[in-house]
Structure formats: structure tokens, C-alpha cells
PDB file of N, CA and C in Angstrom:
ATOM      1  N   UNK A   1      51.886 120.827 159.641  1.00  0.00           N
ATOM      2  CA  UNK A   1      50.625 120.617 158.946  1.00  0.00           C
ATOM      3  C   UNK A   1      50.356 121.788 157.982  1.00  0.00           C
ATOM      4  N   UNK A   2      49.909 121.473 156.813  1.00  0.00           N
ATOM      5  CA  UNK A   2      49.640 122.502 155.809  1.00  0.00           C
ATOM      6  C   UNK A   2      48.410 123.318 156.205  1.00  0.00           C
ATOM      7  N   UNK A   3      48.462 124.597 155.916  1.00  0.00           N
ATOM      8  CA  UNK A   3      47.333 125.477 156.211  1.00  0.00           C
ATOM      9  C   UNK A   3      46.263 125.314 155.140  1.00  0.00           C
ATOM     10  N   UNK A   4      45.029 125.548 155.532  1.00  0.00           N
ATOM     11  CA  UNK A   4      43.945 125.506 154.550  1.00  0.00           C
ATOM     12  C   UNK A   4      43.922 126.817 153.774  1.00  0.00           C
ATOM     13  N   UNK A   5      43.217 126.787 152.660  1.00  0.00           N
ATOM     14  CA  UNK A   5      43.075 127.987 151.842  1.00  0.00           C
ATOM     15  C   UNK A   5      42.425 129.112 152.657  1.00  0.00           C
ATOM     16  N   UNK A   6      41.435 128.756 153.477  1.00  0.00           N
ATOM     17  CA  UNK A   6      40.741 129.766 154.303  1.00  0.00           C
ATOM     18  C   UNK A   6      41.686 130.391 155.322  1.00  0.00           C
ATOM     19  N   UNK A   7      42.550 129.567 155.933  1.00  0.00           N
ATOM     20  CA  UNK A   7      43.500 130.092 156.919  1.00  0.00           C
ATOM     21  C   UNK A   7      44.491 131.051 156.262  1.00  0.00           C
ATOM     22  N   UNK A   8      44.953 130.674 155.072  1.00  0.00           N
ATOM     23  CA  UNK A   8      45.885 131.536 154.347  1.00  0.00           C
ATOM     24  C   UNK A   8      45.183 132.832 153.963  1.00  0.00           C
ATOM     25  N   UNK A   9      43.953 132.732 153.456  1.00  0.00           N
ATOM     26  CA  UNK A   9      43.193 133.917 153.064  1.00  0.00           C
ATOM     27  C   UNK A   9      42.980 134.851 154.260  1.00  0.00           C
ATOM     28  N   UNK A  10      42.627 134.280 155.400  1.00  0.00           N
ATOM     29  CA  UNK A  10      42.403 135.092 156.607  1.00  0.00           C
ATOM     30  C   UNK A  10      43.692 135.795 157.020  1.00  0.00           C
ATOM     31  N   UNK A  11      44.801 135.064 156.992  1.00  0.00           N
ATOM     32  CA  UNK A  11      46.091 135.653 157.351  1.00  0.00           C
ATOM     33  C   UNK A  11      46.495 136.743 156.382  1.00  0.00           C
ATOM     34  N   UNK A  12      46.261 136.492 155.119  1.00  0.00           N
ATOM     35  CA  UNK A  12      46.579 137.467 154.076  1.00  0.00           C
ATOM     36  C   UNK A  12      45.708 138.716 154.230  1.00  0.00           C
ATOM     37  N   UNK A  13      44.447 138.511 154.568  1.00  0.00           N
ATOM     38  CA  UNK A  13      43.545 139.634 154.807  1.00  0.00           C
ATOM     39  C   UNK A  13      44.055 140.527 155.923  1.00  0.00           C
ATOM     40  N   UNK A  14      44.526 139.909 157.011  1.00  0.00           N
ATOM     41  CA  UNK A  14      45.075 140.668 158.141  1.00  0.00           C
ATOM     42  C   UNK A  14      46.295 141.470 157.705  1.00  0.00           C
ATOM     43  N   UNK A  15      47.181 140.825 156.958  1.00  0.00           N
ATOM     44  CA  UNK A  15      48.406 141.482 156.497  1.00  0.00           C
ATOM     45  C   UNK A  15      48.072 142.670 155.598  1.00  0.00           C
ATOM     46  N   UNK A  16      47.170 142.462 154.638  1.00  0.00           N
ATOM     47  CA  UNK A  16      46.824 143.521 153.682  1.00  0.00           C
ATOM     48  C   UNK A  16      46.123 144.670 154.398  1.00  0.00           C
ATOM     49  N   UNK A  17      45.299 144.355 155.386  1.00  0.00           N
ATOM     50  CA  UNK A  17      44.637 145.387 156.184  1.00  0.00           C
ATOM     51  C   UNK A  17      45.698 146.233 156.905  1.00  0.00           C
ATOM     52  N   UNK A  18      46.677 145.544 157.504  1.00  0.00           N
ATOM     53  CA  UNK A  18      47.738 146.209 158.250  1.00  0.00           C
ATOM     54  C   UNK A  18      48.630 147.076 157.346  1.00  0.00           C
ATOM     55  N   UNK A  19      49.063 146.512 156.228  1.00  0.00           N
ATOM     56  CA  UNK A  19      50.011 147.189 155.347  1.00  0.00           C
ATOM     57  C   UNK A  19      49.351 148.260 154.483  1.00  0.00           C
ATOM     58  N   UNK A  20      48.225 147.912 153.871  1.00  0.00           N
ATOM     59  CA  UNK A  20      47.632 148.799 152.870  1.00  0.00           C
ATOM     60  C   UNK A  20      46.319 149.444 153.317  1.00  0.00           C
ATOM     61  N   UNK A  21      45.821 149.055 154.491  1.00  0.00           N
ATOM     62  CA  UNK A  21      44.583 149.642 154.976  1.00  0.00           C
ATOM     63  C   UNK A  21      43.339 149.171 154.246  1.00  0.00           C
ATOM     64  N   UNK A  22      43.457 148.043 153.539  1.00  0.00           N
ATOM     65  CA  UNK A  22      42.286 147.475 152.851  1.00  0.00           C
ATOM     66  C   UNK A  22      41.605 146.519 153.832  1.00  0.00           C
ATOM     67  N   UNK A  23      40.313 146.744 154.137  1.00  0.00           N
ATOM     68  CA  UNK A  23      39.628 145.863 155.092  1.00  0.00           C
ATOM     69  C   UNK A  23      39.746 144.390 154.690  1.00  0.00           C
ATOM     70  N   UNK A  24      40.028 143.548 155.673  1.00  0.00           N
ATOM     71  CA  UNK A  24      40.252 142.128 155.412  1.00  0.00           C
ATOM     72  C   UNK A  24      39.079 141.471 154.695  1.00  0.00           C
ATOM     73  N   UNK A  25      37.849 141.944 154.952  1.00  0.00           N
ATOM     74  CA  UNK A  25      36.688 141.315 154.310  1.00  0.00           C
ATOM     75  C   UNK A  25      36.594 141.643 152.815  1.00  0.00           C
ATOM     76  N   UNK A  26      37.392 142.591 152.352  1.00  0.00           N
ATOM     77  CA  UNK A  26      37.430 142.889 150.915  1.00  0.00           C
ATOM     78  C   UNK A  26      38.498 142.071 150.190  1.00  0.00           C
ATOM     79  N   UNK A  27      39.323 141.376 150.957  1.00  0.00           N
ATOM     80  CA  UNK A  27      40.387 140.567 150.365  1.00  0.00           C
ATOM     81  C   UNK A  27      39.825 139.183 150.043  1.00  0.00           C
ATOM     82  N   UNK A  28      39.492 138.979 148.760  1.00  0.00           N
ATOM     83  CA  UNK A  28      38.933 137.703 148.318  1.00  0.00           C
ATOM     84  C   UNK A  28      39.842 137.125 147.236  1.00  0.00           C
ATOM     85  N   UNK A  29      39.789 135.808 147.032  1.00  0.00           N
ATOM     86  CA  UNK A  29      40.715 135.157 146.099  1.00  0.00           C
ATOM     87  C   UNK A  29      40.728 135.729 144.686  1.00  0.00           C
ATOM     88  N   UNK A  30      39.594 136.264 144.228  1.00  0.00           N
ATOM     89  CA  UNK A  30      39.533 136.738 142.844  1.00  0.00           C
ATOM     90  C   UNK A  30      40.040 138.170 142.661  1.00  0.00           C
ATOM     91  N   UNK A  31      40.393 138.844 143.744  1.00  0.00           N
ATOM     92  CA  UNK A  31      40.845 140.231 143.647  1.00  0.00           C
ATOM     93  C   UNK A  31      42.299 140.319 143.182  1.00  0.00           C
ATOM     94  N   UNK A  32      42.572 141.308 142.317  1.00  0.00           N
ATOM     95  CA  UNK A  32      43.958 141.579 141.925  1.00  0.00           C
ATOM     96  C   UNK A  32      44.488 142.651 142.865  1.00  0.00           C
ATOM     97  N   UNK A  33      45.779 142.559 143.174  1.00  0.00           N
ATOM     98  CA  UNK A  33      46.365 143.502 144.121  1.00  0.00           C
ATOM     99  C   UNK A  33      46.371 144.928 143.575  1.00  0.00           C
ATOM    100  N   UNK A  34      46.778 145.106 142.323  1.00  0.00           N
ATOM    101  CA  UNK A  34      46.924 146.440 141.755  1.00  0.00           C
ATOM    102  C   UNK A  34      45.576 147.047 141.378  1.00  0.00           C
ATOM    103  N   UNK A  35      44.795 146.354 140.577  1.00  0.00           N
ATOM    104  CA  UNK A  35      43.553 146.929 140.050  1.00  0.00           C
ATOM    105  C   UNK A  35      42.418 146.969 141.071  1.00  0.00           C
ATOM    106  N   UNK A  36      42.202 145.869 141.782  1.00  0.00           N
ATOM    107  CA  UNK A  36      41.061 145.797 142.691  1.00  0.00           C
ATOM    108  C   UNK A  36      41.357 146.362 144.078  1.00  0.00           C
ATOM    109  N   UNK A  37      42.544 146.061 144.595  1.00  0.00           N
ATOM    110  CA  UNK A  37      42.863 146.463 145.971  1.00  0.00           C
ATOM    111  C   UNK A  37      43.732 147.717 146.024  1.00  0.00           C
ATOM    112  N   UNK A  38      44.155 148.209 144.849  1.00  0.00           N
ATOM    113  CA  UNK A  38      44.931 149.449 144.755  1.00  0.00           C
ATOM    114  C   UNK A  38      46.204 149.409 145.608  1.00  0.00           C
ATOM    115  N   UNK A  39      46.938 148.301 145.495  1.00  0.00           N
ATOM    116  CA  UNK A  39      48.174 148.122 146.251  1.00  0.00           C
ATOM    117  C   UNK A  39      49.356 148.362 145.321  1.00  0.00           C
ATOM    118  N   UNK A  40      50.257 149.262 145.737  1.00  0.00           N
ATOM    119  CA  UNK A  40      51.414 149.571 144.888  1.00  0.00           C
ATOM    120  C   UNK A  40      52.548 148.570 145.133  1.00  0.00           C
ATOM    121  N   UNK A  41      53.594 148.689 144.327  1.00  0.00           N
ATOM    122  CA  UNK A  41      54.682 147.702 144.382  1.00  0.00           C
ATOM    123  C   UNK A  41      55.415 147.735 145.718  1.00  0.00           C
ATOM    124  N   UNK A  42      55.547 148.900 146.321  1.00  0.00           N
ATOM    125  CA  UNK A  42      56.217 148.986 147.617  1.00  0.00           C
ATOM    126  C   UNK A  42      55.413 148.242 148.686  1.00  0.00           C
ATOM    127  N   UNK A  43      54.100 148.457 148.673  1.00  0.00           N
ATOM    128  CA  UNK A  43      53.239 147.749 149.629  1.00  0.00           C
ATOM    129  C   UNK A  43      53.259 146.251 149.369  1.00  0.00           C
ATOM    130  N   UNK A  44      53.357 145.861 148.104  1.00  0.00           N
ATOM    131  CA  UNK A  44      53.427 144.425 147.767  1.00  0.00           C
ATOM    132  C   UNK A  44      54.650 143.787 148.403  1.00  0.00           C
ATOM    133  N   UNK A  45      55.774 144.508 148.395  1.00  0.00           N
ATOM    134  CA  UNK A  45      56.991 143.986 149.015  1.00  0.00           C
ATOM    135  C   UNK A  45      56.765 143.820 150.518  1.00  0.00           C
ATOM    136  N   UNK A  46      56.141 144.809 151.143  1.00  0.00           N
ATOM    137  CA  UNK A  46      55.837 144.717 152.581  1.00  0.00           C
ATOM    138  C   UNK A  46      54.916 143.534 152.870  1.00  0.00           C
ATOM    139  N   UNK A  47      53.913 143.361 152.015  1.00  0.00           N
ATOM    140  CA  UNK A  47      52.976 142.248 152.182  1.00  0.00           C
ATOM    141  C   UNK A  47      53.715 140.919 152.038  1.00  0.00           C
ATOM    142  N   UNK A  48      54.608 140.839 151.057  1.00  0.00           N
ATOM    143  CA  UNK A  48      55.385 139.611 150.840  1.00  0.00           C
ATOM    144  C   UNK A  48      56.250 139.287 152.053  1.00  0.00           C
ATOM    145  N   UNK A  49      56.907 140.296 152.604  1.00  0.00           N
ATOM    146  CA  UNK A  49      57.762 140.086 153.779  1.00  0.00           C
ATOM    147  C   UNK A  49      56.922 139.609 154.962  1.00  0.00           C
ATOM    148  N   UNK A  50      55.782 140.255 155.174  1.00  0.00           N
ATOM    149  CA  UNK A  50      54.896 139.862 156.273  1.00  0.00           C
ATOM    150  C   UNK A  50      54.358 138.452 156.059  1.00  0.00           C
ATOM    151  N   UNK A  51      54.032 138.116 154.799  1.00  0.00           N
ATOM    152  CA  UNK A  51      53.523 136.774 154.487  1.00  0.00           C
ATOM    153  C   UNK A  51      54.602 135.728 154.715  1.00  0.00           C
ATOM    154  N   UNK A  52      55.835 136.067 154.378  1.00  0.00           N
ATOM    155  CA  UNK A  52      56.941 135.132 154.614  1.00  0.00           C
ATOM    156  C   UNK A  52      57.056 134.828 156.103  1.00  0.00           C
ATOM    157  N   UNK A  53      56.958 135.876 156.930  1.00  0.00           N
ATOM    158  CA  UNK A  53      57.050 135.688 158.379  1.00  0.00           C
ATOM    159  C   UNK A  53      55.861 134.883 158.902  1.00  0.00           C
ATOM    160  N   UNK A  54      54.668 135.255 158.459  1.00  0.00           N
ATOM    161  CA  UNK A  54      53.443 134.628 158.971  1.00  0.00           C
ATOM    162  C   UNK A  54      53.317 133.166 158.549  1.00  0.00           C
ATOM    163  N   UNK A  55      53.626 132.888 157.288  1.00  0.00           N
ATOM    164  CA  UNK A  55      53.406 131.542 156.755  1.00  0.00           C
ATOM    165  C   UNK A  55      54.670 130.690 156.685  1.00  0.00           C
ATOM    166  N   UNK A  56      55.820 131.299 156.983  1.00  0.00           N
ATOM    167  CA  UNK A  56      57.064 130.542 156.979  1.00  0.00           C
ATOM    168  C   UNK A  56      57.493 130.067 155.601  1.00  0.00           C
ATOM    169  N   UNK A  57      57.184 130.870 154.577  1.00  0.00           N
ATOM    170  CA  UNK A  57      57.601 130.520 153.212  1.00  0.00           C
ATOM    171  C   UNK A  57      58.472 131.633 152.657  1.00  0.00           C
ATOM    172  N   UNK A  58      59.314 131.285 151.714  1.00  0.00           N
ATOM    173  CA  UNK A  58      60.187 132.249 151.050  1.00  0.00           C
ATOM    174  C   UNK A  58      59.511 132.698 149.754  1.00  0.00           C
ATOM    175  N   UNK A  59      59.391 134.016 149.559  1.00  0.00           N
ATOM    176  CA  UNK A  59      58.827 134.538 148.315  1.00  0.00           C
ATOM    177  C   UNK A  59      59.927 135.378 147.647  1.00  0.00           C
ATOM    178  N   UNK A  60      60.683 134.782 146.719  1.00  0.00           N
ATOM    179  CA  UNK A  60      61.749 135.535 146.055  1.00  0.00           C
ATOM    180  C   UNK A  60      61.188 136.694 145.231  1.00  0.00           C
ATOM    181  N   UNK A  61      61.991 137.745 145.078  1.00  0.00           N
ATOM    182  CA  UNK A  61      61.544 138.927 144.337  1.00  0.00           C
ATOM    183  C   UNK A  61      61.075 138.587 142.929  1.00  0.00           C
ATOM    184  N   UNK A  62      61.752 137.662 142.274  1.00  0.00           N
ATOM    185  CA  UNK A  62      61.372 137.324 140.893  1.00  0.00           C
ATOM    186  C   UNK A  62      60.016 136.607 140.844  1.00  0.00           C
ATOM    187  N   UNK A  63      59.603 136.007 141.954  1.00  0.00           N
ATOM    188  CA  UNK A  63      58.283 135.368 142.029  1.00  0.00           C
ATOM    189  C   UNK A  63      57.187 136.384 142.336  1.00  0.00           C
ATOM    190  N   UNK A  64      57.565 137.429 143.065  1.00  0.00           N
ATOM    191  CA  UNK A  64      56.596 138.412 143.534  1.00  0.00           C
ATOM    192  C   UNK A  64      55.834 139.056 142.375  1.00  0.00           C
ATOM    193  N   UNK A  65      56.526 139.346 141.284  1.00  0.00           N
ATOM    194  CA  UNK A  65      55.876 140.007 140.139  1.00  0.00           C
ATOM    195  C   UNK A  65      54.830 139.109 139.481  1.00  0.00           C
ATOM    196  N   UNK A  66      54.909 137.804 139.701  1.00  0.00           N
ATOM    197  CA  UNK A  66      53.936 136.873 139.123  1.00  0.00           C
ATOM    198  C   UNK A  66      52.696 136.703 139.995  1.00  0.00           C
ATOM    199  N   UNK A  67      52.738 137.216 141.204  1.00  0.00           N
ATOM    200  CA  UNK A  67      51.618 137.078 142.122  1.00  0.00           C
ATOM    201  C   UNK A  67      50.681 138.275 141.934  1.00  0.00           C
ATOM    202  N   UNK A  68      49.743 138.115 141.020  1.00  0.00           N
ATOM    203  CA  UNK A  68      48.868 139.234 140.625  1.00  0.00           C
ATOM    204  C   UNK A  68      47.562 139.271 141.420  1.00  0.00           C
ATOM    205  N   UNK A  69      47.091 138.101 141.822  1.00  0.00           N
ATOM    206  CA  UNK A  69      45.814 138.033 142.543  1.00  0.00           C
ATOM    207  C   UNK A  69      46.025 137.429 143.930  1.00  0.00           C
ATOM    208  N   UNK A  70      45.022 137.602 144.766  1.00  0.00           N
ATOM    209  CA  UNK A  70      45.057 137.011 146.105  1.00  0.00           C
ATOM    210  C   UNK A  70      45.174 135.483 145.979  1.00  0.00           C
ATOM    211  N   UNK A  71      44.462 134.908 145.003  1.00  0.00           N
ATOM    212  CA  UNK A  71      44.520 133.454 144.792  1.00  0.00           C
ATOM    213  C   UNK A  71      45.936 133.006 144.432  1.00  0.00           C
ATOM    214  N   UNK A  72      46.668 133.818 143.651  1.00  0.00           N
ATOM    215  CA  UNK A  72      48.055 133.481 143.302  1.00  0.00           C
ATOM    216  C   UNK A  72      48.897 133.305 144.559  1.00  0.00           C
ATOM    217  N   UNK A  73      48.704 134.198 145.525  1.00  0.00           N
ATOM    218  CA  UNK A  73      49.484 134.120 146.764  1.00  0.00           C
ATOM    219  C   UNK A  73      49.059 132.901 147.581  1.00  0.00           C
ATOM    220  N   UNK A  74      47.756 132.646 147.655  1.00  0.00           N
ATOM    221  CA  UNK A  74      47.262 131.468 148.381  1.00  0.00           C
ATOM    222  C   UNK A  74      47.879 130.204 147.788  1.00  0.00           C
ATOM    223  N   UNK A  75      47.832 130.087 146.452  1.00  0.00           N
ATOM    224  CA  UNK A  75      48.404 128.915 145.784  1.00  0.00           C
ATOM    225  C   UNK A  75      49.899 128.809 146.038  1.00  0.00           C
ATOM    226  N   UNK A  76      50.579 129.937 145.982  1.00  0.00           N
ATOM    227  CA  UNK A  76      52.031 129.946 146.198  1.00  0.00           C
ATOM    228  C   UNK A  76      52.363 129.474 147.609  1.00  0.00           C
ATOM    229  N   UNK A  77      51.658 130.021 148.604  1.00  0.00           N
ATOM    230  CA  UNK A  77      51.914 129.646 149.993  1.00  0.00           C
ATOM    231  C   UNK A  77      51.629 128.160 150.216  1.00  0.00           C
ATOM    232  N   UNK A  78      50.555 127.657 149.600  1.00  0.00           N
ATOM    233  CA  UNK A  78      50.226 126.243 149.755  1.00  0.00           C
ATOM    234  C   UNK A  78      51.307 125.357 149.137  1.00  0.00           C
ATOM    235  N   UNK A  79      51.774 125.737 147.929  1.00  0.00           N
ATOM    236  CA  UNK A  79      52.849 124.961 147.286  1.00  0.00           C
ATOM    237  C   UNK A  79      54.134 125.027 148.092  1.00  0.00           C
ATOM    238  N   UNK A  80      54.494 126.213 148.530  1.00  0.00           N
ATOM    239  CA  UNK A  80      55.745 126.393 149.269  1.00  0.00           C
ATOM    240  C   UNK A  80      55.653 125.713 150.636  1.00  0.00           C
ATOM    241  N   UNK A  81      54.468 125.779 151.229  1.00  0.00           N
ATOM    242  CA  UNK A  81      54.267 125.157 152.543  1.00  0.00           C
ATOM    243  C   UNK A  81      54.352 123.653 152.492  1.00  0.00           C
ATOM    244  N   UNK A  82      53.907 123.081 151.386  1.00  0.00           N
ATOM    245  CA  UNK A  82      53.949 121.630 151.221  1.00  0.00           C
ATOM    246  C   UNK A  82      55.384 121.155 151.087  1.00  0.00           C
ATOM    247  N   UNK A  83      56.200 121.931 150.387  1.00  0.00           N
ATOM    248  CA  UNK A  83      57.585 121.515 150.157  1.00  0.00           C
ATOM    249  C   UNK A  83      58.502 121.833 151.329  1.00  0.00           C
ATOM    250  N   UNK A  84      58.030 122.672 152.261  1.00  0.00           N
ATOM    251  CA  UNK A  84      58.870 123.077 153.397  1.00  0.00           C
ATOM    252  C   UNK A  84      59.054 121.938 154.391  1.00  0.00           C
TER     253      UNK A  84
END
């Protein structure tokens, strides 16, 4: 069964809190990882790996650079989850 946007957001919030120390309640769909959440590229890779494990989707490195906002990741996980 596909996850809802809220479930993905909650999971992503937990991951970002764990990896980057950003409180989960500050992780909202309109936030950008670099500018708003101050997440560097190394942390982004860690977040991607954790998201792959948590959501069971593959996030190739060439796709990672296109995921600029929290909403981008939610959309990506939903698309990848549907095709899985």
C-alpha cells in the first residue's frame, strides 16, 4: 500500500532529525534542504540512504541533486513507491 504524504513527511522528519539534528516539526514540505534546513551534501547522502531503507525506494545519486525541497523528496518517494 502506498504511503500518504503525511506518513512520508513524518518519516522524513525523523530521518532529518537523526542525521542533521533539525527538529522534525521544522521539516515542512516547503523547506529547502540547503537554505532553510542548512543540510550539507554529505548529510543529504545520509538522509537519502536512510530514506531508501525506510521507504523501500531507490534514490540514485543523479536524482539526489534534483531533490531540493522536502516536497521534492515526498513526491519522489510517492512516485517510486507506486512503481515498486
